Amino acid sequence: NVLDNITLAPTIVKKADKAKSEEEARALLRRVGLEDKAAAYPAQ
């Protein structure tokens, strides 16, 4: 889903904290006007 797409690399490659990464991802989604699409998949 959208949230996992954004947090995948930071949590695996940079070992970022999962909860913090999700919080930052939601803030970025809010910035681009798509906060309500966090659980959606690309095909949707």
ModelCIF file with pLDDT and N, C-alpha, C, O atoms, coordinates in Angstrom:
data_MODEL
#
_entry.id   MODEL 
#
_entity.id                         1 
_entity.type                       polymer 
_entity.pdbx_number_of_molecules   1 
#
_entity_poly.entity_id                      1 
_entity_poly.type                           'polypeptide(L)' 
_entity_poly.nstd_linkage                   no 
_entity_poly.nstd_monomer                   no 
_entity_poly.pdbx_seq_one_letter_code       NVLDNITLAPTIVKKADKAKSEEEARALLRRVGLEDKAAAYPAQ 
_entity_poly.pdbx_seq_one_letter_code_can   NVLDNITLAPTIVKKADKAKSEEEARALLRRVGLEDKAAAYPAQ 
_entity_poly.pdbx_strand_id                 A 
#
loop_
_entity_poly_seq.entity_id 
_entity_poly_seq.num 
_entity_poly_seq.mon_id 
_entity_poly_seq.hetero 
1 1  ASN n 
1 2  VAL n 
1 3  LEU n 
1 4  ASP n 
1 5  ASN n 
1 6  ILE n 
1 7  THR n 
1 8  LEU n 
1 9  ALA n 
1 10 PRO n 
1 11 THR n 
1 12 ILE n 
1 13 VAL n 
1 14 LYS n 
1 15 LYS n 
1 16 ALA n 
1 17 ASP n 
1 18 LYS n 
1 19 ALA n 
1 20 LYS n 
1 21 SER n 
1 22 GLU n 
1 23 GLU n 
1 24 GLU n 
1 25 ALA n 
1 26 ARG n 
1 27 ALA n 
1 28 LEU n 
1 29 LEU n 
1 30 ARG n 
1 31 ARG n 
1 32 VAL n 
1 33 GLY n 
1 34 LEU n 
1 35 GLU n 
1 36 ASP n 
1 37 LYS n 
1 38 ALA n 
1 39 ALA n 
1 40 ALA n 
1 41 TYR n 
1 42 PRO n 
1 43 ALA n 
1 44 GLN n 
#
_struct_asym.id          A 
_struct_asym.entity_id   1 
#
loop_
_ma_qa_metric.id 
_ma_qa_metric.mode 
_ma_qa_metric.name 
_ma_qa_metric.software_group_id 
_ma_qa_metric.type 
1 global pLDDT . pLDDT 
2 local  pLDDT . pLDDT 
#
_ma_qa_metric_global.metric_id      1 
_ma_qa_metric_global.metric_value   89.70 
_ma_qa_metric_global.model_id       1 
_ma_qa_metric_global.ordinal_id     1 
#
loop_
_ma_qa_metric_local.label_asym_id 
_ma_qa_metric_local.label_comp_id 
_ma_qa_metric_local.label_seq_id 
_ma_qa_metric_local.metric_id 
_ma_qa_metric_local.metric_value 
_ma_qa_metric_local.model_id 
_ma_qa_metric_local.ordinal_id 
A ASN 1  2 96.00 1 1  
A VAL 2  2 95.00 1 2  
A LEU 3  2 95.00 1 3  
A ASP 4  2 94.00 1 4  
A ASN 5  2 91.00 1 5  
A ILE 6  2 90.00 1 6  
A THR 7  2 91.00 1 7  
A LEU 8  2 90.00 1 8  
A ALA 9  2 83.00 1 9  
A PRO 10 2 84.00 1 10 
A THR 11 2 89.00 1 11 
A ILE 12 2 89.00 1 12 
A VAL 13 2 80.00 1 13 
A LYS 14 2 79.00 1 14 
A LYS 15 2 88.00 1 15 
A ALA 16 2 86.00 1 16 
A ASP 17 2 92.00 1 17 
A LYS 18 2 92.00 1 18 
A ALA 19 2 94.00 1 19 
A LYS 20 2 92.00 1 20 
A SER 21 2 90.00 1 21 
A GLU 22 2 93.00 1 22 
A GLU 23 2 92.00 1 23 
A GLU 24 2 88.00 1 24 
A ALA 25 2 89.00 1 25 
A ARG 26 2 92.00 1 26 
A ALA 27 2 86.00 1 27 
A LEU 28 2 83.00 1 28 
A LEU 29 2 88.00 1 29 
A ARG 30 2 86.00 1 30 
A ARG 31 2 79.00 1 31 
A VAL 32 2 78.00 1 32 
A GLY 33 2 82.00 1 33 
A LEU 34 2 89.00 1 34 
A GLU 35 2 91.00 1 35 
A ASP 36 2 94.00 1 36 
A LYS 37 2 95.00 1 37 
A ALA 38 2 96.00 1 38 
A ALA 39 2 96.00 1 39 
A ALA 40 2 96.00 1 40 
A TYR 41 2 96.00 1 41 
A PRO 42 2 92.00 1 42 
A ALA 43 2 92.00 1 43 
A GLN 44 2 94.00 1 44 
#
loop_
_atom_site.group_PDB 
_atom_site.id 
_atom_site.type_symbol 
_atom_site.label_atom_id 
_atom_site.label_alt_id 
_atom_site.label_comp_id 
_atom_site.label_asym_id 
_atom_site.label_entity_id 
_atom_site.label_seq_id 
_atom_site.pdbx_PDB_ins_code 
_atom_site.Cartn_x 
_atom_site.Cartn_y 
_atom_site.Cartn_z 
_atom_site.occupancy 
_atom_site.B_iso_or_equiv 
_atom_site.pdbx_formal_charge 
_atom_site.auth_seq_id 
_atom_site.auth_comp_id 
_atom_site.auth_asym_id 
_atom_site.auth_atom_id 
_atom_site.pdbx_PDB_model_num 
ATOM 1   N N  . ASN A 1 1  ? 0.837  -1.193 0.000  1.00 96.00 ? 1  ASN A N  1 
ATOM 2   C CA . ASN A 1 1  ? 0.000  0.000  0.000  1.00 96.00 ? 1  ASN A CA 1 
ATOM 3   C C  . ASN A 1 1  ? 0.877  1.251  0.000  1.00 96.00 ? 1  ASN A C  1 
ATOM 4   O O  . ASN A 1 1  ? 2.103  1.160  0.070  1.00 96.00 ? 1  ASN A O  1 
ATOM 5   N N  . VAL A 1 2  ? 0.248  2.399  -0.078 1.00 95.00 ? 2  VAL A N  1 
ATOM 6   C CA . VAL A 1 2  ? 0.976  3.665  -0.198 1.00 95.00 ? 2  VAL A CA 1 
ATOM 7   C C  . VAL A 1 2  ? 1.915  3.893  0.980  1.00 95.00 ? 2  VAL A C  1 
ATOM 8   O O  . VAL A 1 2  ? 3.075  4.259  0.788  1.00 95.00 ? 2  VAL A O  1 
ATOM 9   N N  . LEU A 1 3  ? 1.425  3.680  2.186  1.00 95.00 ? 3  LEU A N  1 
ATOM 10  C CA . LEU A 1 3  ? 2.238  3.912  3.380  1.00 95.00 ? 3  LEU A CA 1 
ATOM 11  C C  . LEU A 1 3  ? 3.465  3.008  3.392  1.00 95.00 ? 3  LEU A C  1 
ATOM 12  O O  . LEU A 1 3  ? 4.564  3.456  3.718  1.00 95.00 ? 3  LEU A O  1 
ATOM 13  N N  . ASP A 1 4  ? 3.285  1.742  3.040  1.00 94.00 ? 4  ASP A N  1 
ATOM 14  C CA . ASP A 1 4  ? 4.408  0.804  3.021  1.00 94.00 ? 4  ASP A CA 1 
ATOM 15  C C  . ASP A 1 4  ? 5.416  1.141  1.916  1.00 94.00 ? 4  ASP A C  1 
ATOM 16  O O  . ASP A 1 4  ? 6.619  0.952  2.097  1.00 94.00 ? 4  ASP A O  1 
ATOM 17  N N  . ASN A 1 5  ? 4.927  1.639  0.772  1.00 91.00 ? 5  ASN A N  1 
ATOM 18  C CA . ASN A 1 5  ? 5.826  2.058  -0.298 1.00 91.00 ? 5  ASN A CA 1 
ATOM 19  C C  . ASN A 1 5  ? 6.771  3.149  0.177  1.00 91.00 ? 5  ASN A C  1 
ATOM 20  O O  . ASN A 1 5  ? 7.956  3.143  -0.154 1.00 91.00 ? 5  ASN A O  1 
ATOM 21  N N  . ILE A 1 6  ? 6.240  4.086  0.956  1.00 90.00 ? 6  ILE A N  1 
ATOM 22  C CA . ILE A 1 6  ? 7.043  5.227  1.397  1.00 90.00 ? 6  ILE A CA 1 
ATOM 23  C C  . ILE A 1 6  ? 7.999  4.855  2.521  1.00 90.00 ? 6  ILE A C  1 
ATOM 24  O O  . ILE A 1 6  ? 9.099  5.400  2.603  1.00 90.00 ? 6  ILE A O  1 
ATOM 25  N N  . THR A 1 7  ? 7.589  3.929  3.390  1.00 91.00 ? 7  THR A N  1 
ATOM 26  C CA . THR A 1 7  ? 8.406  3.601  4.565  1.00 91.00 ? 7  THR A CA 1 
ATOM 27  C C  . THR A 1 7  ? 9.352  2.417  4.344  1.00 91.00 ? 7  THR A C  1 
ATOM 28  O O  . THR A 1 7  ? 10.213 2.161  5.186  1.00 91.00 ? 7  THR A O  1 
ATOM 29  N N  . LEU A 1 8  ? 9.211  1.694  3.238  1.00 90.00 ? 8  LEU A N  1 
ATOM 30  C CA . LEU A 1 8  ? 9.997  0.475  3.026  1.00 90.00 ? 8  LEU A CA 1 
ATOM 31  C C  . LEU A 1 8  ? 11.507 0.740  3.041  1.00 90.00 ? 8  LEU A C  1 
ATOM 32  O O  . LEU A 1 8  ? 12.232 0.136  3.831  1.00 90.00 ? 8  LEU A O  1 
ATOM 33  N N  . ALA A 1 9  ? 11.977 1.624  2.186  1.00 83.00 ? 9  ALA A N  1 
ATOM 34  C CA . ALA A 1 9  ? 13.419 1.880  2.085  1.00 83.00 ? 9  ALA A CA 1 
ATOM 35  C C  . ALA A 1 9  ? 14.009 2.468  3.369  1.00 83.00 ? 9  ALA A C  1 
ATOM 36  O O  . ALA A 1 9  ? 15.051 1.995  3.822  1.00 83.00 ? 9  ALA A O  1 
ATOM 37  N N  . PRO A 1 10 ? 13.380 3.483  3.971  1.00 84.00 ? 10 PRO A N  1 
ATOM 38  C CA . PRO A 1 10 ? 13.962 4.032  5.203  1.00 84.00 ? 10 PRO A CA 1 
ATOM 39  C C  . PRO A 1 10 ? 14.099 3.007  6.322  1.00 84.00 ? 10 PRO A C  1 
ATOM 40  O O  . PRO A 1 10 ? 15.087 3.014  7.056  1.00 84.00 ? 10 PRO A O  1 
ATOM 41  N N  . THR A 1 11 ? 13.095 2.113  6.456  1.00 89.00 ? 11 THR A N  1 
ATOM 42  C CA . THR A 1 11 ? 13.144 1.152  7.561  1.00 89.00 ? 11 THR A CA 1 
ATOM 43  C C  . THR A 1 11 ? 14.105 0.001  7.285  1.00 89.00 ? 11 THR A C  1 
ATOM 44  O O  . THR A 1 11 ? 14.719 -0.524 8.214  1.00 89.00 ? 11 THR A O  1 
ATOM 45  N N  . ILE A 1 12 ? 14.245 -0.400 6.025  1.00 89.00 ? 12 ILE A N  1 
ATOM 46  C CA . ILE A 1 12 ? 15.121 -1.532 5.703  1.00 89.00 ? 12 ILE A CA 1 
ATOM 47  C C  . ILE A 1 12 ? 16.550 -1.083 5.437  1.00 89.00 ? 12 ILE A C  1 
ATOM 48  O O  . ILE A 1 12 ? 17.493 -1.647 5.992  1.00 89.00 ? 12 ILE A O  1 
ATOM 49  N N  . VAL A 1 13 ? 16.716 -0.067 4.587  1.00 80.00 ? 13 VAL A N  1 
ATOM 50  C CA . VAL A 1 13 ? 18.061 0.370  4.196  1.00 80.00 ? 13 VAL A CA 1 
ATOM 51  C C  . VAL A 1 13 ? 18.704 1.248  5.261  1.00 80.00 ? 13 VAL A C  1 
ATOM 52  O O  . VAL A 1 13 ? 19.868 1.056  5.613  1.00 80.00 ? 13 VAL A O  1 
ATOM 53  N N  . LYS A 1 14 ? 17.939 2.215  5.774  1.00 79.00 ? 14 LYS A N  1 
ATOM 54  C CA . LYS A 1 14 ? 18.504 3.156  6.747  1.00 79.00 ? 14 LYS A CA 1 
ATOM 55  C C  . LYS A 1 14 ? 18.180 2.799  8.194  1.00 79.00 ? 14 LYS A C  1 
ATOM 56  O O  . LYS A 1 14 ? 18.551 3.525  9.116  1.00 79.00 ? 14 LYS A O  1 
ATOM 57  N N  . LYS A 1 15 ? 17.480 1.666  8.393  1.00 88.00 ? 15 LYS A N  1 
ATOM 58  C CA . LYS A 1 15 ? 17.168 1.159  9.730  1.00 88.00 ? 15 LYS A CA 1 
ATOM 59  C C  . LYS A 1 15 ? 16.404 2.183  10.574 1.00 88.00 ? 15 LYS A C  1 
ATOM 60  O O  . LYS A 1 15 ? 16.582 2.252  11.790 1.00 88.00 ? 15 LYS A O  1 
ATOM 61  N N  . ALA A 1 16 ? 15.561 2.968  9.923  1.00 86.00 ? 16 ALA A N  1 
ATOM 62  C CA . ALA A 1 16 ? 14.769 3.971  10.643 1.00 86.00 ? 16 ALA A CA 1 
ATOM 63  C C  . ALA A 1 16 ? 13.675 3.295  11.460 1.00 86.00 ? 16 ALA A C  1 
ATOM 64  O O  . ALA A 1 16 ? 13.224 2.200  11.125 1.00 86.00 ? 16 ALA A O  1 
ATOM 65  N N  . ASP A 1 17 ? 13.254 3.957  12.530 1.00 92.00 ? 17 ASP A N  1 
ATOM 66  C CA . ASP A 1 17 ? 12.185 3.430  13.378 1.00 92.00 ? 17 ASP A CA 1 
ATOM 67  C C  . ASP A 1 17 ? 10.879 3.380  12.587 1.00 92.00 ? 17 ASP A C  1 
ATOM 68  O O  . ASP A 1 17 ? 10.511 4.348  11.923 1.00 92.00 ? 17 ASP A O  1 
ATOM 69  N N  . LYS A 1 18 ? 10.189 2.257  12.661 1.00 92.00 ? 18 LYS A N  1 
ATOM 70  C CA . LYS A 1 18 ? 8.984  2.040  11.870 1.00 92.00 ? 18 LYS A CA 1 
ATOM 71  C C  . LYS A 1 18 ? 7.903  3.062  12.202 1.00 92.00 ? 18 LYS A C  1 
ATOM 72  O O  . LYS A 1 18 ? 7.323  3.662  11.297 1.00 92.00 ? 18 LYS A O  1 
ATOM 73  N N  . ALA A 1 19 ? 7.628  3.265  13.479 1.00 94.00 ? 19 ALA A N  1 
ATOM 74  C CA . ALA A 1 19 ? 6.570  4.189  13.887 1.00 94.00 ? 19 ALA A CA 1 
ATOM 75  C C  . ALA A 1 19 ? 6.891  5.617  13.459 1.00 94.00 ? 19 ALA A C  1 
ATOM 76  O O  . ALA A 1 19 ? 6.016  6.339  12.980 1.00 94.00 ? 19 ALA A O  1 
ATOM 77  N N  . LYS A 1 20 ? 8.144  6.020  13.632 1.00 92.00 ? 20 LYS A N  1 
ATOM 78  C CA . LYS A 1 20 ? 8.539  7.376  13.238 1.00 92.00 ? 20 LYS A CA 1 
ATOM 79  C C  . LYS A 1 20 ? 8.469  7.544  11.725 1.00 92.00 ? 20 LYS A C  1 
ATOM 80  O O  . LYS A 1 20 ? 8.060  8.595  11.231 1.00 92.00 ? 20 LYS A O  1 
ATOM 81  N N  . SER A 1 21 ? 8.869  6.505  10.990 1.00 90.00 ? 21 SER A N  1 
ATOM 82  C CA . SER A 1 21 ? 8.816  6.554  9.527  1.00 90.00 ? 21 SER A CA 1 
ATOM 83  C C  . SER A 1 21 ? 7.380  6.703  9.041  1.00 90.00 ? 21 SER A C  1 
ATOM 84  O O  . SER A 1 21 ? 7.114  7.452  8.102  1.00 90.00 ? 21 SER A O  1 
ATOM 85  N N  . GLU A 1 22 ? 6.456  5.992  9.678  1.00 93.00 ? 22 GLU A N  1 
ATOM 86  C CA . GLU A 1 22 ? 5.044  6.099  9.289  1.00 93.00 ? 22 GLU A CA 1 
ATOM 87  C C  . GLU A 1 22 ? 4.499  7.487  9.598  1.00 93.00 ? 22 GLU A C  1 
ATOM 88  O O  . GLU A 1 22 ? 3.709  8.030  8.826  1.00 93.00 ? 22 GLU A O  1 
ATOM 89  N N  . GLU A 1 23 ? 4.914  8.059  10.716 1.00 92.00 ? 23 GLU A N  1 
ATOM 90  C CA . GLU A 1 23 ? 4.476  9.412  11.074 1.00 92.00 ? 23 GLU A CA 1 
ATOM 91  C C  . GLU A 1 23 ? 4.973  10.423 10.030 1.00 92.00 ? 23 GLU A C  1 
ATOM 92  O O  . GLU A 1 23 ? 4.216  11.291 9.595  1.00 92.00 ? 23 GLU A O  1 
ATOM 93  N N  . GLU A 1 24 ? 6.240  10.306 9.633  1.00 88.00 ? 24 GLU A N  1 
ATOM 94  C CA . GLU A 1 24 ? 6.796  11.215 8.636  1.00 88.00 ? 24 GLU A CA 1 
ATOM 95  C C  . GLU A 1 24 ? 6.151  10.989 7.274  1.00 88.00 ? 24 GLU A C  1 
ATOM 96  O O  . GLU A 1 24 ? 5.926  11.937 6.522  1.00 88.00 ? 24 GLU A O  1 
ATOM 97  N N  . ALA A 1 25 ? 5.855  9.723  6.957  1.00 89.00 ? 25 ALA A N  1 
ATOM 98  C CA . ALA A 1 25 ? 5.211  9.406  5.677  1.00 89.00 ? 25 ALA A CA 1 
ATOM 99  C C  . ALA A 1 25 ? 3.826  10.037 5.597  1.00 89.00 ? 25 ALA A C  1 
ATOM 100 O O  . ALA A 1 25 ? 3.443  10.577 4.559  1.00 89.00 ? 25 ALA A O  1 
ATOM 101 N N  . ARG A 1 26 ? 3.083  9.967  6.689  1.00 92.00 ? 26 ARG A N  1 
ATOM 102 C CA . ARG A 1 26 ? 1.742  10.572 6.704  1.00 92.00 ? 26 ARG A CA 1 
ATOM 103 C C  . ARG A 1 26 ? 1.832  12.095 6.557  1.00 92.00 ? 26 ARG A C  1 
ATOM 104 O O  . ARG A 1 26 ? 0.977  12.715 5.924  1.00 92.00 ? 26 ARG A O  1 
ATOM 105 N N  . ALA A 1 27 ? 2.861  12.684 7.140  1.00 86.00 ? 27 ALA A N  1 
ATOM 106 C CA . ALA A 1 27 ? 3.044  14.133 7.004  1.00 86.00 ? 27 ALA A CA 1 
ATOM 107 C C  . ALA A 1 27 ? 3.335  14.504 5.554  1.00 86.00 ? 27 ALA A C  1 
ATOM 108 O O  . ALA A 1 27 ? 2.849  15.521 5.059  1.00 86.00 ? 27 ALA A O  1 
ATOM 109 N N  . LEU A 1 28 ? 4.127  13.677 4.873  1.00 83.00 ? 28 LEU A N  1 
ATOM 110 C CA . LEU A 1 28 ? 4.420  13.922 3.459  1.00 83.00 ? 28 LEU A CA 1 
ATOM 111 C C  . LEU A 1 28 ? 3.175  13.735 2.596  1.00 83.00 ? 28 LEU A C  1 
ATOM 112 O O  . LEU A 1 28 ? 2.938  14.503 1.664  1.00 83.00 ? 28 LEU A O  1 
ATOM 113 N N  . LEU A 1 29 ? 2.386  12.716 2.910  1.00 88.00 ? 29 LEU A N  1 
ATOM 114 C CA . LEU A 1 29 ? 1.142  12.496 2.170  1.00 88.00 ? 29 LEU A CA 1 
ATOM 115 C C  . LEU A 1 29 ? 0.184  13.672 2.361  1.00 88.00 ? 29 LEU A C  1 
ATOM 116 O O  . LEU A 1 29 ? -0.523 14.068 1.434  1.00 88.00 ? 29 LEU A O  1 
ATOM 117 N N  . ARG A 1 30 ? 0.171  14.219 3.570  1.00 86.00 ? 30 ARG A N  1 
ATOM 118 C CA . ARG A 1 30 ? -0.660 15.397 3.829  1.00 86.00 ? 30 ARG A CA 1 
ATOM 119 C C  . ARG A 1 30 ? -0.179 16.572 2.980  1.00 86.00 ? 30 ARG A C  1 
ATOM 120 O O  . ARG A 1 30 ? -0.979 17.363 2.480  1.00 86.00 ? 30 ARG A O  1 
ATOM 121 N N  . ARG A 1 31 ? 1.123  16.668 2.828  1.00 79.00 ? 31 ARG A N  1 
ATOM 122 C CA . ARG A 1 31 ? 1.698  17.779 2.071  1.00 79.00 ? 31 ARG A CA 1 
ATOM 123 C C  . ARG A 1 31 ? 1.335  17.707 0.592  1.00 79.00 ? 31 ARG A C  1 
ATOM 124 O O  . ARG A 1 31 ? 1.161  18.737 -0.059 1.00 79.00 ? 31 ARG A O  1 
ATOM 125 N N  . VAL A 1 32 ? 1.221  16.496 0.064  1.00 78.00 ? 32 VAL A N  1 
ATOM 126 C CA . VAL A 1 32 ? 0.860  16.369 -1.351 1.00 78.00 ? 32 VAL A CA 1 
ATOM 127 C C  . VAL A 1 32 ? -0.629 16.083 -1.553 1.00 78.00 ? 32 VAL A C  1 
ATOM 128 O O  . VAL A 1 32 ? -1.057 15.738 -2.655 1.00 78.00 ? 32 VAL A O  1 
ATOM 129 N N  . GLY A 1 33 ? -1.417 16.228 -0.480 1.00 82.00 ? 33 GLY A N  1 
ATOM 130 C CA . GLY A 1 33 ? -2.864 16.129 -0.581 1.00 82.00 ? 33 GLY A CA 1 
ATOM 131 C C  . GLY A 1 33 ? -3.412 14.729 -0.703 1.00 82.00 ? 33 GLY A C  1 
ATOM 132 O O  . GLY A 1 33 ? -4.493 14.544 -1.261 1.00 82.00 ? 33 GLY A O  1 
ATOM 133 N N  . LEU A 1 34 ? -2.696 13.726 -0.195 1.00 89.00 ? 34 LEU A N  1 
ATOM 134 C CA . LEU A 1 34 ? -3.155 12.341 -0.340 1.00 89.00 ? 34 LEU A CA 1 
ATOM 135 C C  . LEU A 1 34 ? -3.115 11.569 0.980  1.00 89.00 ? 34 LEU A C  1 
ATOM 136 O O  . LEU A 1 34 ? -2.897 10.357 0.982  1.00 89.00 ? 34 LEU A O  1 
ATOM 137 N N  . GLU A 1 35 ? -3.321 12.253 2.082  1.00 91.00 ? 35 GLU A N  1 
ATOM 138 C CA . GLU A 1 35 ? -3.274 11.579 3.372  1.00 91.00 ? 35 GLU A CA 1 
ATOM 139 C C  . GLU A 1 35 ? -4.316 10.475 3.478  1.00 91.00 ? 35 GLU A C  1 
ATOM 140 O O  . GLU A 1 35 ? -4.103 9.481  4.171  1.00 91.00 ? 35 GLU A O  1 
ATOM 141 N N  . ASP A 1 36 ? -5.447 10.646 2.790  1.00 94.00 ? 36 ASP A N  1 
ATOM 142 C CA . ASP A 1 36 ? -6.513 9.658  2.868  1.00 94.00 ? 36 ASP A CA 1 
ATOM 143 C C  . ASP A 1 36 ? -6.235 8.418  2.019  1.00 94.00 ? 36 ASP A C  1 
ATOM 144 O O  . ASP A 1 36 ? -7.035 7.482  2.020  1.00 94.00 ? 36 ASP A O  1 
ATOM 145 N N  . LYS A 1 37 ? -5.110 8.395  1.291  1.00 95.00 ? 37 LYS A N  1 
ATOM 146 C CA . LYS A 1 37 ? -4.763 7.267  0.432  1.00 95.00 ? 37 LYS A CA 1 
ATOM 147 C C  . LYS A 1 37 ? -3.674 6.378  1.044  1.00 95.00 ? 37 LYS A C  1 
ATOM 148 O O  . LYS A 1 37 ? -3.105 5.541  0.342  1.00 95.00 ? 37 LYS A O  1 
ATOM 149 N N  . ALA A 1 38 ? -3.380 6.540  2.314  1.00 96.00 ? 38 ALA A N  1 
ATOM 150 C CA . ALA A 1 38 ? -2.295 5.788  2.952  1.00 96.00 ? 38 ALA A CA 1 
ATOM 151 C C  . ALA A 1 38 ? -2.475 4.276  2.836  1.00 96.00 ? 38 ALA A C  1 
ATOM 152 O O  . ALA A 1 38 ? -1.496 3.546  2.680  1.00 96.00 ? 38 ALA A O  1 
ATOM 153 N N  . ALA A 1 39 ? -3.711 3.804  2.910  1.00 96.00 ? 39 ALA A N  1 
ATOM 154 C CA . ALA A 1 39 ? -3.978 2.364  2.876  1.00 96.00 ? 39 ALA A CA 1 
ATOM 155 C C  . ALA A 1 39 ? -4.288 1.849  1.468  1.00 96.00 ? 39 ALA A C  1 
ATOM 156 O O  . ALA A 1 39 ? -4.491 0.651  1.273  1.00 96.00 ? 39 ALA A O  1 
ATOM 157 N N  . ALA A 1 40 ? -4.322 2.754  0.493  1.00 96.00 ? 40 ALA A N  1 
ATOM 158 C CA . ALA A 1 40 ? -4.635 2.358  -0.887 1.00 96.00 ? 40 ALA A CA 1 
ATOM 159 C C  . ALA A 1 40 ? -3.432 1.719  -1.567 1.00 96.00 ? 40 ALA A C  1 
ATOM 160 O O  . ALA A 1 40 ? -2.289 1.932  -1.162 1.00 96.00 ? 40 ALA A O  1 
ATOM 161 N N  . TYR A 1 41 ? -3.705 0.931  -2.609 1.00 96.00 ? 41 TYR A N  1 
ATOM 162 C CA . TYR A 1 41 ? -2.644 0.309  -3.402 1.00 96.00 ? 41 TYR A CA 1 
ATOM 163 C C  . TYR A 1 41 ? -2.486 1.073  -4.722 1.00 96.00 ? 41 TYR A C  1 
ATOM 164 O O  . TYR A 1 41 ? -3.440 1.698  -5.186 1.00 96.00 ? 41 TYR A O  1 
ATOM 165 N N  . PRO A 1 42 ? -1.292 1.030  -5.334 1.00 92.00 ? 42 PRO A N  1 
ATOM 166 C CA . PRO A 1 42 ? -1.045 1.780  -6.565 1.00 92.00 ? 42 PRO A CA 1 
ATOM 167 C C  . PRO A 1 42 ? -2.107 1.589  -7.642 1.00 92.00 ? 42 PRO A C  1 
ATOM 168 O O  . PRO A 1 42 ? -2.468 2.541  -8.334 1.00 92.00 ? 42 PRO A O  1 
ATOM 169 N N  . ALA A 1 43 ? -2.609 0.361  -7.787 1.00 92.00 ? 43 ALA A N  1 
ATOM 170 C CA . ALA A 1 43 ? -3.607 0.085  -8.820 1.00 92.00 ? 43 ALA A CA 1 
ATOM 171 C C  . ALA A 1 43 ? -4.923 0.825  -8.577 1.00 92.00 ? 43 ALA A C  1 
ATOM 172 O O  . ALA A 1 43 ? -5.731 0.979  -9.493 1.00 92.00 ? 43 ALA A O  1 
ATOM 173 N N  . GLN A 1 44 ? -5.133 1.279  -7.345 1.00 94.00 ? 44 GLN A N  1 
ATOM 174 C CA . GLN A 1 44 ? -6.361 1.993  -7.003 1.00 94.00 ? 44 GLN A CA 1 
ATOM 175 C C  . GLN A 1 44 ? -6.223 3.504  -7.187 1.00 94.00 ? 44 GLN A C  1 
ATOM 176 O O  . GLN A 1 44 ? -7.174 4.245  -6.940 1.00 94.00 ? 44 GLN A O  1 
#
